[in-house]
Amino acid sequence: MRIYRMTALALAVAFAAVGLVFLFAPGAVQGAFDSLGRQAGIKGMPEGDAESGFFRVLAVAYMYIVTLLAWMMFRRPADPVWPALLAQAKFASALVSILLFALAGPYLVYAANGVVEASSAWRSCCCAGIWRRRAAPLWAVGDEPSALGDRTLLSRGTSPPGLR
């Protein structure tokens, strides 16, 4: 449990730091990825996209949420809901990044974020015990027994609400 808690704390600190960078220096992030992309022969994002207030609002809000989820993993390590929710956020971010890479433009920042977020989602699933079937399914959130990791329900197999 100690490794789990230290990992959760490290994630919370890293997510908070990235959120601060997105808030105070979004252009530096875009510039770094554009520079790396040019070296690899990939075009850069349109100038000023990262500096927009809309990007900052969404990026900082997302980083706040994932920081809070990682912090809750640290504070309440026995509760499988926090890493399960973090995995959902990370999977969503990875999917959106991959879709943007495919549909909006093949920018390095989209590809890199897709890979980083997918690996982070996988690690969150491992922390939740999803792959070992120790925790509740990702869709089970709340006070009902399945959301608390009822092993008898898991041993019989569960399905998302509406698919039973």
Foldseek 3Di string as FASTA:
>chain_A
DVVQLVVLLVLLVVLQVVLVCLQPPQVVVQVVQQVVCVVVVFHGDPPPPSVDPVNNVVSNVLSVLLSVLSVVCNVPVLQLLSLLVNLVSLQVLLVVLVCCCVPVHVGRVSVVSNVVSNVSSVVSCVSSCVVVLQAAHSQDDDDPPSNRRPPVDSVVPDDHPPPD
